[in-house]
Amino acid sequence: MMLMAFFDIQGSVLLAFKEPDVSINAQLYTQALDKLHKFMENKCPGMLSSGVIILSDNARPHVAKVFVEALDSKKLKVLEHLTYSPDLSLCDYHIFELLSE
């Protein structure tokens, strides 16, 4: 089982579980971004107007043209984290907390 998680300072916003044989490609990642954006439009529109930053590494799905165009069209910014960085990303700390619950 794989997990794509989107969260804010208050906790998880969107959890998308995927079977192990499903590839996380640009199309799937863009679909998850669309779901996240719709959730924010409905549940927390103020967040969109104040600016949303997506923490992302440079993995192929995150830099694919279709995904970058989706980010631009939704006016979302990216804070990059190196793909093979030896440091844990800030997201990893929250994921471990979510998984322990």
Foldseek 3Di string as FASTA:
>chain_A
DDWDFDDDPVATQDIDDDDPVDDPALVNVLVVVVVSLVSCVPPPVVDLVVAAEAEEEVPHSCPDPVNVVSCVVSVHHYDYDHPPDPDDDPVVVRVVVVVVD
